[in-house]
Amino acid sequence: MKLTDSHIVITGGASGLGLVLVEHLQAHNKIGVIARPSRGLDALRQRHQDIEIYEADLADLASVELAADALVKRGVKIDILINNAAVQHTPKFIDDDFRYETIRREIDINFTSICALTYLLMPLLLKETRSNIVNINSGLALVPKTSSAVYCATKGALNIFSKSLAHQLEETNISVNQAFLPLVDTGMPQGRGGVKLPADQVAQQIISGIADNKAEINIGKVKLLRVIQRLSPTIATKIMKAA
């Protein structure tokens, strides 16, 4: 699939990897960004006045519905929907700084909003001869780590959801793709140890994978993780437990 002259909608496109994807794609495509109000979103609006902005807090389904409704009312087909937005809270359930109220927000942003947008924007995706739903996932969907239990669970759920959705859409024009990421040098893993891949490099690999219509786009160390998991699930578990 050529990523030119396409209408591409990206969630969380005002910061981090989402913003890098926007910068890579905006020159030759029509871009729509769904993101919560922020200084980053204001800066994006000023820098690229041709980008469509749909303000929505993805933890608030009513807000998600309003953004989707605005897109549907425009009636313009969507070639590619990139579900990129995510949050990750690292405290363990037994830590003093664990915040109970983050549980629902993390699940809604990372998973529920994706299910909602997939359904609500389906009419616009079905309008195109060929379209893609691209879910940005993590190696933690394959093997979880000790911290960020809710985040790992949402990514595991996203993996299963994507596979089942692909089965449902087999006889339609819509393909479902997943990009499985290692640590990426964005705001989310800031302050954590480990080698982080440059966001620019990751964005280019995601875009290449979408163009080739790969069902699974494995990036960086995720490729090695899959090999280890296949050969010895126990070793893969030990490695990721200590990550």
Foldseek 3Di string as FASTA:
>chain_A
DDLFQFEEEEEPCLFDLNVLLCVVRVVGYAYEYEYADDPSVVVVCVVDVRHHYQHALQLDVVSLLVSLVVVVVVVAAHAEYELDDAAFDWDDPPDPPDDPVVLSSRLSNLAVSLVVSCVSNVVRPQVDQAHEYEYEAELLLVENEQTRPSNSVSRVVVVVVQVVVQVVCVVGRYHYAYEYDYAAPTPRCPPDDDDHHYSNVSSVQVVVCVVVSPNYRYDDCSVVLVVCCVVPVVVSNVVRHVD
